[in-house]
Amino acid sequence: MILRFIFRQMSLQKQARYLKKKGIMLGTRLKNGRKIHIYMLRDLFIEVLYKNDNANDEAEHLNMLRGLNNLNDYLEREFKASF
């Protein structure tokens, strides 16, 4: 919980750098032709969109979910919405 609070106080670019350094990269997924990178940081799951879909570029957007159940529910909704 404290990590989540501190993480939210960081700028978007600091969040992205912290995830690359301390987070675990779980993989990527495609949505609307964009590559979304998914990281795990303790009980937080964070999706990051980077400029040009390149993880070496600056982050454009970040979506944070707390807990594995929330991640599963979210990904299931996203999957169903794609049809």
C-alpha atoms as a PDB file:
ATOM      1  CA  MET A   1       0.000   0.000   0.000  1.00  0.00           C
ATOM      2  CA  ILE A   2       2.803   2.404   0.832  1.00  0.00           C
ATOM      3  CA  LEU A   3       4.543   1.499  -2.419  1.00  0.00           C
ATOM      4  CA  ARG A   4       1.367   2.293  -4.353  1.00  0.00           C
ATOM      5  CA  PHE A   5       1.072   5.698  -2.675  1.00  0.00           C
ATOM      6  CA  ILE A   6       4.716   6.603  -3.324  1.00  0.00           C
ATOM      7  CA  PHE A   7       4.574   5.258  -6.880  1.00  0.00           C
ATOM      8  CA  ARG A   8       1.562   7.443  -7.687  1.00  0.00           C
ATOM      9  CA  GLN A   9       3.421  10.545  -6.491  1.00  0.00           C
ATOM     10  CA  MET A  10       6.170  10.039  -9.088  1.00  0.00           C
ATOM     11  CA  SER A  11       6.048  11.614 -12.531  1.00  0.00           C
ATOM     12  CA  LEU A  12       5.105   9.345 -15.438  1.00  0.00           C
ATOM     13  CA  GLN A  13       8.704   9.110 -16.642  1.00  0.00           C
ATOM     14  CA  LYS A  14       9.996   8.287 -13.148  1.00  0.00           C
ATOM     15  CA  GLN A  15       7.327   5.603 -12.820  1.00  0.00           C
ATOM     16  CA  ALA A  16       8.421   4.041 -16.119  1.00  0.00           C
ATOM     17  CA  ARG A  17      12.105   4.102 -15.131  1.00  0.00           C
ATOM     18  CA  TYR A  18      11.289   2.591 -11.713  1.00  0.00           C
ATOM     19  CA  LEU A  19       9.303  -0.206 -13.360  1.00  0.00           C
ATOM     20  CA  LYS A  20      12.171  -1.029 -15.712  1.00  0.00           C
ATOM     21  CA  LYS A  21      14.595  -1.114 -12.795  1.00  0.00           C
ATOM     22  CA  LYS A  22      12.557  -2.753 -10.004  1.00  0.00           C
ATOM     23  CA  GLY A  23       9.545  -4.313 -11.714  1.00  0.00           C
ATOM     24  CA  ILE A  24       9.160  -7.655 -13.440  1.00  0.00           C
ATOM     25  CA  MET A  25       8.253  -7.484 -17.120  1.00  0.00           C
ATOM     26  CA  LEU A  26       5.409  -9.960 -17.638  1.00  0.00           C
ATOM     27  CA  GLY A  27       4.973  -9.429 -21.343  1.00  0.00           C
ATOM     28  CA  THR A  28       3.184  -7.369 -23.945  1.00  0.00           C
ATOM     29  CA  ARG A  29      -0.221  -7.322 -25.573  1.00  0.00           C
ATOM     30  CA  LEU A  30      -1.741  -5.538 -28.552  1.00  0.00           C
ATOM     31  CA  LYS A  31      -4.698  -3.185 -28.310  1.00  0.00           C
ATOM     32  CA  ASN A  32      -5.900  -1.008 -31.179  1.00  0.00           C
ATOM     33  CA  GLY A  33      -2.641  -1.665 -32.996  1.00  0.00           C
ATOM     34  CA  ARG A  34      -0.549  -0.493 -30.028  1.00  0.00           C
ATOM     35  CA  LYS A  35       1.855  -2.577 -27.984  1.00  0.00           C
ATOM     36  CA  ILE A  36       1.172  -2.436 -24.233  1.00  0.00           C
ATOM     37  CA  HIS A  37       3.911  -3.561 -21.849  1.00  0.00           C
ATOM     38  CA  ILE A  38       2.774  -5.228 -18.603  1.00  0.00           C
ATOM     39  CA  TYR A  39       4.893  -5.086 -15.432  1.00  0.00           C
ATOM     40  CA  MET A  40       4.479  -6.503 -11.935  1.00  0.00           C
ATOM     41  CA  LEU A  41       5.654  -4.617  -8.863  1.00  0.00           C
ATOM     42  CA  ARG A  42       4.755  -6.590  -5.721  1.00  0.00           C
ATOM     43  CA  ASP A  43       0.925  -6.695  -5.794  1.00  0.00           C
ATOM     44  CA  LEU A  44       0.645  -3.994  -8.472  1.00  0.00           C
ATOM     45  CA  PHE A  45       0.221  -4.735 -12.160  1.00  0.00           C
ATOM     46  CA  ILE A  46       0.991  -1.843 -14.439  1.00  0.00           C
ATOM     47  CA  GLU A  47       0.415  -1.408 -18.164  1.00  0.00           C
ATOM     48  CA  VAL A  48       2.643   1.100 -19.923  1.00  0.00           C
ATOM     49  CA  LEU A  49       2.275   2.552 -23.398  1.00  0.00           C
ATOM     50  CA  TYR A  50       5.498   3.956 -24.812  1.00  0.00           C
ATOM     51  CA  LYS A  51       5.964   6.376 -27.694  1.00  0.00           C
ATOM     52  CA  ASN A  52       6.369   4.481 -30.957  1.00  0.00           C
ATOM     53  CA  ASP A  53       5.566   1.293 -28.968  1.00  0.00           C
ATOM     54  CA  ASN A  54       9.240   1.163 -28.024  1.00  0.00           C
ATOM     55  CA  ALA A  55      10.132   0.545 -24.362  1.00  0.00           C
ATOM     56  CA  ASN A  56      13.313   2.581 -24.886  1.00  0.00           C
ATOM     57  CA  ASP A  57      11.264   5.714 -25.662  1.00  0.00           C
ATOM     58  CA  GLU A  58       9.327   7.872 -23.179  1.00  0.00           C
ATOM     59  CA  ALA A  59       6.171   6.541 -21.566  1.00  0.00           C
ATOM     60  CA  GLU A  60       2.881   8.002 -22.835  1.00  0.00           C
ATOM     61  CA  HIS A  61       0.343   6.411 -20.500  1.00  0.00           C
ATOM     62  CA  LEU A  62       0.237   4.147 -17.468  1.00  0.00           C
ATOM     63  CA  ASN A  63      -2.625   2.023 -16.095  1.00  0.00           C
ATOM     64  CA  MET A  64      -2.276   0.537 -12.608  1.00  0.00           C
ATOM     65  CA  LEU A  65      -4.223  -2.415 -11.171  1.00  0.00           C
ATOM     66  CA  ARG A  66      -3.934  -3.798  -7.657  1.00  0.00           C
ATOM     67  CA  GLY A  67      -3.914  -7.559  -7.207  1.00  0.00           C
ATOM     68  CA  LEU A  68      -3.939 -10.544  -9.512  1.00  0.00           C
ATOM     69  CA  ASN A  69      -7.737 -10.910  -9.428  1.00  0.00           C
ATOM     70  CA  ASN A  70      -8.171  -7.334 -10.666  1.00  0.00           C
ATOM     71  CA  LEU A  71      -5.649  -7.957 -13.449  1.00  0.00           C
ATOM     72  CA  ASN A  72      -7.451 -11.137 -14.531  1.00  0.00           C
ATOM     73  CA  ASP A  73     -10.865  -9.416 -14.484  1.00  0.00           C
ATOM     74  CA  TYR A  74      -9.507  -6.455 -16.440  1.00  0.00           C
ATOM     75  CA  LEU A  75      -7.807  -8.588 -19.096  1.00  0.00           C
ATOM     76  CA  GLU A  76     -10.913 -10.745 -19.461  1.00  0.00           C
ATOM     77  CA  ARG A  77     -13.081  -7.635 -20.028  1.00  0.00           C
ATOM     78  CA  GLU A  78     -10.559  -6.299 -22.541  1.00  0.00           C
ATOM     79  CA  PHE A  79     -10.508  -9.631 -24.373  1.00  0.00           C
ATOM     80  CA  LYS A  80     -14.320  -9.811 -24.570  1.00  0.00           C
ATOM     81  CA  ALA A  81     -14.512  -6.204 -25.757  1.00  0.00           C
ATOM     82  CA  SER A  82     -12.189  -6.978 -28.666  1.00  0.00           C
ATOM     83  CA  PHE A  83     -14.865  -9.102 -30.383  1.00  0.00           C
END
